[in-house]
Amino acid sequence: MPTITISLSERFKSEIKQFPWVNWSEVAREEILKKDIFERYIKTGELSDEDWMFCDRIDWHPVDELPLKEEFVTELEKARDEPSGKSMTLEELDELMGLK
């Protein structure tokens, strides 16, 4: 298997040495694979079975990397500013929780 060598600043190198249990080669492999999957997904809008298995294993999907659509952001902001649900009295809450 080919080897890739990267240059790190001394500061960054000392920071990552604080995590000796992390397999940095595996982290790099996964990130490179994610970038590859993302690029293919952008071009085709599809994932292979192998890509799906990888994405499922790491709980990630290429769509996670896409920016939110402006209309969705607008809906979220509107919903945030509106009251959600019905207000209830303490008595209603007690009854709901089975305390009365």
N, C-alpha and C. Protein backbone atom coordinates (compact mmCIF):
# COMPACT_ATOMS: atom_id res chain seq x y z
N MET A 1 0.85 -1.17 0.00
CA MET A 1 0.00 0.00 0.00
C MET A 1 0.90 1.24 0.00
N PRO A 2 0.58 2.24 -0.83
CA PRO A 2 1.39 3.46 -0.86
C PRO A 2 1.32 4.20 0.47
N THR A 3 2.36 4.99 0.71
CA THR A 3 2.44 5.77 1.93
C THR A 3 2.38 7.25 1.58
N ILE A 4 1.65 7.99 2.40
CA ILE A 4 1.59 9.45 2.24
C ILE A 4 2.22 10.07 3.48
N THR A 5 3.10 11.02 3.26
CA THR A 5 3.74 11.73 4.36
C THR A 5 3.27 13.17 4.32
N ILE A 6 2.89 13.70 5.48
CA ILE A 6 2.46 15.09 5.54
C ILE A 6 3.33 15.86 6.52
N SER A 7 3.47 17.14 6.28
CA SER A 7 4.24 17.99 7.18
C SER A 7 3.29 18.61 8.19
N LEU A 8 3.71 18.62 9.44
CA LEU A 8 2.92 19.23 10.51
C LEU A 8 3.80 20.22 11.26
N SER A 9 3.17 21.27 11.74
CA SER A 9 3.92 22.19 12.59
C SER A 9 4.24 21.47 13.90
N GLU A 10 5.28 21.90 14.57
CA GLU A 10 5.64 21.28 15.85
C GLU A 10 4.50 21.41 16.85
N ARG A 11 3.83 22.54 16.83
CA ARG A 11 2.71 22.77 17.76
C ARG A 11 1.59 21.75 17.52
N PHE A 12 1.23 21.57 16.24
CA PHE A 12 0.16 20.63 15.91
C PHE A 12 0.59 19.20 16.22
N LYS A 13 1.84 18.88 15.93
CA LYS A 13 2.36 17.54 16.22
C LYS A 13 2.27 17.24 17.72
N SER A 14 2.62 18.22 18.54
CA SER A 14 2.54 17.99 19.99
C SER A 14 1.09 17.87 20.45
N GLU A 15 0.18 18.58 19.78
CA GLU A 15 -1.24 18.48 20.13
C GLU A 15 -1.80 17.09 19.82
N ILE A 16 -1.48 16.55 18.66
CA ILE A 16 -2.04 15.25 18.32
C ILE A 16 -1.38 14.12 19.11
N LYS A 17 -0.19 14.35 19.62
CA LYS A 17 0.45 13.34 20.47
C LYS A 17 -0.28 13.17 21.79
N GLN A 18 -1.17 14.10 22.11
CA GLN A 18 -1.96 13.98 23.33
C GLN A 18 -3.04 12.90 23.19
N PHE A 19 -3.20 12.38 21.99
CA PHE A 19 -4.21 11.36 21.72
C PHE A 19 -3.55 10.11 21.15
N PRO A 20 -2.75 9.41 21.95
CA PRO A 20 -2.00 8.26 21.42
C PRO A 20 -2.90 7.09 21.01
N TRP A 21 -4.12 7.06 21.48
CA TRP A 21 -5.03 5.96 21.14
C TRP A 21 -5.68 6.14 19.76
N VAL A 22 -5.54 7.34 19.19
CA VAL A 22 -6.16 7.60 17.89
C VAL A 22 -5.26 7.06 16.78
N ASN A 23 -5.85 6.32 15.87
CA ASN A 23 -5.13 5.83 14.70
C ASN A 23 -5.27 6.90 13.62
N TRP A 24 -4.30 7.79 13.55
CA TRP A 24 -4.40 8.93 12.64
C TRP A 24 -4.40 8.51 11.18
N SER A 25 -3.78 7.39 10.87
CA SER A 25 -3.82 6.88 9.49
C SER A 25 -5.25 6.51 9.11
N GLU A 26 -5.97 5.88 10.05
CA GLU A 26 -7.36 5.51 9.79
C GLU A 26 -8.23 6.75 9.66
N VAL A 27 -7.98 7.75 10.48
CA VAL A 27 -8.73 9.01 10.40
C VAL A 27 -8.52 9.63 9.02
N ALA A 28 -7.27 9.67 8.57
CA ALA A 28 -6.97 10.24 7.25
C ALA A 28 -7.63 9.43 6.14
N ARG A 29 -7.56 8.09 6.23
CA ARG A 29 -8.20 7.23 5.21
C ARG A 29 -9.70 7.50 5.13
N GLU A 30 -10.36 7.59 6.29
CA GLU A 30 -11.80 7.83 6.29
C GLU A 30 -12.14 9.19 5.70
N GLU A 31 -11.36 10.20 6.03
CA GLU A 31 -11.64 11.54 5.49
C GLU A 31 -11.42 11.59 3.98
N ILE A 32 -10.39 10.92 3.50
CA ILE A 32 -10.15 10.87 2.06
C ILE A 32 -11.29 10.13 1.36
N LEU A 33 -11.73 9.02 1.96
CA LEU A 33 -12.84 8.26 1.38
C LEU A 33 -14.12 9.09 1.41
N LYS A 34 -14.37 9.82 2.49
CA LYS A 34 -15.55 10.68 2.56
C LYS A 34 -15.52 11.72 1.44
N LYS A 35 -14.35 12.32 1.20
CA LYS A 35 -14.23 13.32 0.14
C LYS A 35 -14.51 12.68 -1.22
N ASP A 36 -13.98 11.49 -1.44
CA ASP A 36 -14.21 10.77 -2.69
C ASP A 36 -15.69 10.45 -2.87
N ILE A 37 -16.32 9.93 -1.83
CA ILE A 37 -17.76 9.61 -1.89
C ILE A 37 -18.57 10.87 -2.15
N PHE A 38 -18.22 11.95 -1.45
CA PHE A 38 -18.94 13.21 -1.62
C PHE A 38 -18.85 13.70 -3.07
N GLU A 39 -17.65 13.68 -3.65
CA GLU A 39 -17.47 14.13 -5.04
C GLU A 39 -18.30 13.29 -6.00
N ARG A 40 -18.30 11.97 -5.82
CA ARG A 40 -19.10 11.11 -6.68
C ARG A 40 -20.59 11.35 -6.48
N TYR A 41 -20.99 11.58 -5.23
CA TYR A 41 -22.41 11.84 -4.94
C TYR A 41 -22.87 13.15 -5.60
N ILE A 42 -22.03 14.17 -5.56
CA ILE A 42 -22.37 15.46 -6.19
C ILE A 42 -22.56 15.26 -7.70
N LYS A 43 -21.71 14.45 -8.32
CA LYS A 43 -21.79 14.23 -9.77
C LYS A 43 -22.98 13.38 -10.16
N THR A 44 -23.27 12.32 -9.38
CA THR A 44 -24.29 11.35 -9.81
C THR A 44 -25.57 11.38 -8.98
N GLY A 45 -25.48 11.89 -7.75
CA GLY A 45 -26.64 11.87 -6.87
C GLY A 45 -26.94 10.49 -6.31
N GLU A 46 -25.99 9.56 -6.48
CA GLU A 46 -26.19 8.18 -6.04
C GLU A 46 -24.99 7.69 -5.25
N LEU A 47 -25.23 6.64 -4.46
CA LEU A 47 -24.16 5.97 -3.72
C LEU A 47 -24.16 4.49 -4.07
N SER A 48 -22.97 3.92 -4.19
CA SER A 48 -22.88 2.48 -4.42
C SER A 48 -23.21 1.76 -3.12
N ASP A 49 -23.45 0.46 -3.21
CA ASP A 49 -23.72 -0.33 -2.01
C ASP A 49 -22.54 -0.25 -1.03
N GLU A 50 -21.34 -0.30 -1.58
CA GLU A 50 -20.13 -0.21 -0.74
C GLU A 50 -20.07 1.15 -0.03
N ASP A 51 -20.39 2.22 -0.77
CA ASP A 51 -20.40 3.55 -0.17
C ASP A 51 -21.46 3.64 0.93
N TRP A 52 -22.64 3.06 0.67
CA TRP A 52 -23.71 3.06 1.68
C TRP A 52 -23.25 2.37 2.95
N MET A 53 -22.56 1.24 2.80
CA MET A 53 -22.08 0.50 3.97
C MET A 53 -21.08 1.33 4.77
N PHE A 54 -20.18 2.00 4.06
CA PHE A 54 -19.21 2.87 4.74
C PHE A 54 -19.92 4.01 5.47
N CYS A 55 -20.83 4.67 4.76
CA CYS A 55 -21.56 5.80 5.35
C CYS A 55 -22.36 5.36 6.58
N ASP A 56 -22.98 4.20 6.48
CA ASP A 56 -23.76 3.69 7.60
C ASP A 56 -22.85 3.37 8.79
N ARG A 57 -21.69 2.82 8.50
CA ARG A 57 -20.76 2.44 9.57
C ARG A 57 -20.28 3.65 10.36
N ILE A 58 -20.07 4.78 9.67
CA ILE A 58 -19.58 5.97 10.38
C ILE A 58 -20.69 6.98 10.65
N ASP A 59 -21.94 6.60 10.35
CA ASP A 59 -23.10 7.47 10.59
C ASP A 59 -22.92 8.84 9.92
N TRP A 60 -22.70 8.79 8.62
CA TRP A 60 -22.47 10.00 7.82
C TRP A 60 -23.15 9.81 6.47
N HIS A 61 -23.55 10.92 5.87
CA HIS A 61 -24.10 10.89 4.51
C HIS A 61 -23.58 12.12 3.79
N PRO A 62 -23.25 12.01 2.50
CA PRO A 62 -22.71 13.16 1.77
C PRO A 62 -23.61 14.40 1.84
N VAL A 63 -24.91 14.19 1.93
CA VAL A 63 -25.82 15.33 1.98
C VAL A 63 -25.56 16.17 3.25
N ASP A 64 -24.95 15.55 4.27
CA ASP A 64 -24.61 16.28 5.49
C ASP A 64 -23.65 17.43 5.22
N GLU A 65 -22.89 17.33 4.15
CA GLU A 65 -21.89 18.34 3.82
C GLU A 65 -22.45 19.49 3.00
N LEU A 66 -23.65 19.33 2.48
CA LEU A 66 -24.24 20.37 1.64
C LEU A 66 -24.79 21.51 2.50
N PRO A 67 -24.73 22.74 1.99
CA PRO A 67 -25.31 23.84 2.76
C PRO A 67 -26.83 23.71 2.81
N LEU A 68 -27.43 24.24 3.87
CA LEU A 68 -28.89 24.23 3.98
C LEU A 68 -29.49 25.14 2.93
N LYS A 69 -30.64 24.75 2.40
CA LYS A 69 -31.34 25.59 1.44
C LYS A 69 -31.89 26.80 2.18
N GLU A 70 -31.86 27.94 1.51
CA GLU A 70 -32.29 29.20 2.12
C GLU A 70 -33.73 29.14 2.61
N GLU A 71 -34.62 28.50 1.83
CA GLU A 71 -36.02 28.43 2.26
C GLU A 71 -36.18 27.58 3.52
N PHE A 72 -35.33 26.57 3.69
CA PHE A 72 -35.37 25.76 4.91
C PHE A 72 -34.89 26.56 6.11
N VAL A 73 -33.83 27.34 5.92
CA VAL A 73 -33.32 28.20 6.99
C VAL A 73 -34.40 29.20 7.40
N THR A 74 -35.10 29.76 6.43
CA THR A 74 -36.18 30.71 6.72
C THR A 74 -37.28 30.05 7.53
N GLU A 75 -37.66 28.83 7.15
CA GLU A 75 -38.69 28.09 7.91
C GLU A 75 -38.24 27.82 9.34
N LEU A 76 -36.98 27.44 9.51
CA LEU A 76 -36.46 27.17 10.85
C LEU A 76 -36.48 28.42 11.71
N GLU A 77 -36.07 29.55 11.12
CA GLU A 77 -36.06 30.80 11.88
C GLU A 77 -37.48 31.21 12.27
N LYS A 78 -38.42 31.02 11.36
CA LYS A 78 -39.82 31.34 11.64
C LYS A 78 -40.34 30.46 12.77
N ALA A 79 -40.06 29.16 12.71
CA ALA A 79 -40.52 28.23 13.73
C ALA A 79 -39.89 28.54 15.08
N ARG A 80 -38.65 28.98 15.07
CA ARG A 80 -37.96 29.31 16.32
C ARG A 80 -38.62 30.49 17.02
N ASP A 81 -39.13 31.44 16.24
CA ASP A 81 -39.72 32.65 16.80
C ASP A 81 -41.17 32.46 17.23
N GLU A 82 -41.79 31.37 16.80
CA GLU A 82 -43.19 31.12 17.16
C GLU A 82 -43.26 30.18 18.36
N PRO A 83 -44.29 30.34 19.18
CA PRO A 83 -44.43 29.40 20.30
C PRO A 83 -44.67 27.99 19.77
N SER A 84 -44.08 27.03 20.43
CA SER A 84 -44.27 25.65 19.99
C SER A 84 -45.10 24.91 21.03
N GLY A 85 -46.23 24.46 20.62
CA GLY A 85 -47.10 23.71 21.52
C GLY A 85 -47.97 24.62 22.38
N LYS A 86 -48.79 23.97 23.16
CA LYS A 86 -49.74 24.68 24.01
C LYS A 86 -49.11 24.89 25.37
N SER A 87 -49.30 26.08 25.92
CA SER A 87 -48.86 26.32 27.29
C SER A 87 -49.79 25.57 28.22
N MET A 88 -49.26 25.10 29.35
CA MET A 88 -50.13 24.42 30.31
C MET A 88 -49.85 24.94 31.71
N THR A 89 -50.87 24.81 32.51
CA THR A 89 -50.75 25.24 33.90
C THR A 89 -49.99 24.16 34.68
N LEU A 90 -49.57 24.51 35.89
CA LEU A 90 -48.89 23.53 36.73
C LEU A 90 -49.81 22.36 37.06
N GLU A 91 -51.09 22.65 37.23
CA GLU A 91 -52.06 21.59 37.51
C GLU A 91 -52.14 20.62 36.33
N GLU A 92 -52.18 21.16 35.11
CA GLU A 92 -52.24 20.30 33.93
C GLU A 92 -50.97 19.46 33.80
N LEU A 93 -49.84 20.05 34.12
CA LEU A 93 -48.57 19.32 34.07
C LEU A 93 -48.55 18.20 35.10
N ASP A 94 -49.01 18.51 36.32
CA ASP A 94 -49.09 17.47 37.36
C ASP A 94 -49.97 16.32 36.91
N GLU A 95 -51.10 16.66 36.29
CA GLU A 95 -52.03 15.62 35.83
C GLU A 95 -51.39 14.80 34.72
N LEU A 96 -50.71 15.47 33.81
CA LEU A 96 -50.04 14.79 32.71
C LEU A 96 -48.97 13.82 33.23
N MET A 97 -48.28 14.21 34.27
CA MET A 97 -47.22 13.38 34.84
C MET A 97 -47.74 12.35 35.82
N GLY A 98 -49.05 12.37 36.05
CA GLY A 98 -49.66 11.39 36.95
C GLY A 98 -49.46 11.71 38.42
N LEU A 99 -49.19 12.96 38.71
CA LEU A 99 -49.00 13.36 40.11
C LEU A 99 -50.31 13.70 40.79
N LYS A 100 -51.38 13.85 40.02
CA LYS A 100 -52.70 14.16 40.58
C LYS A 100 -53.69 13.15 40.10
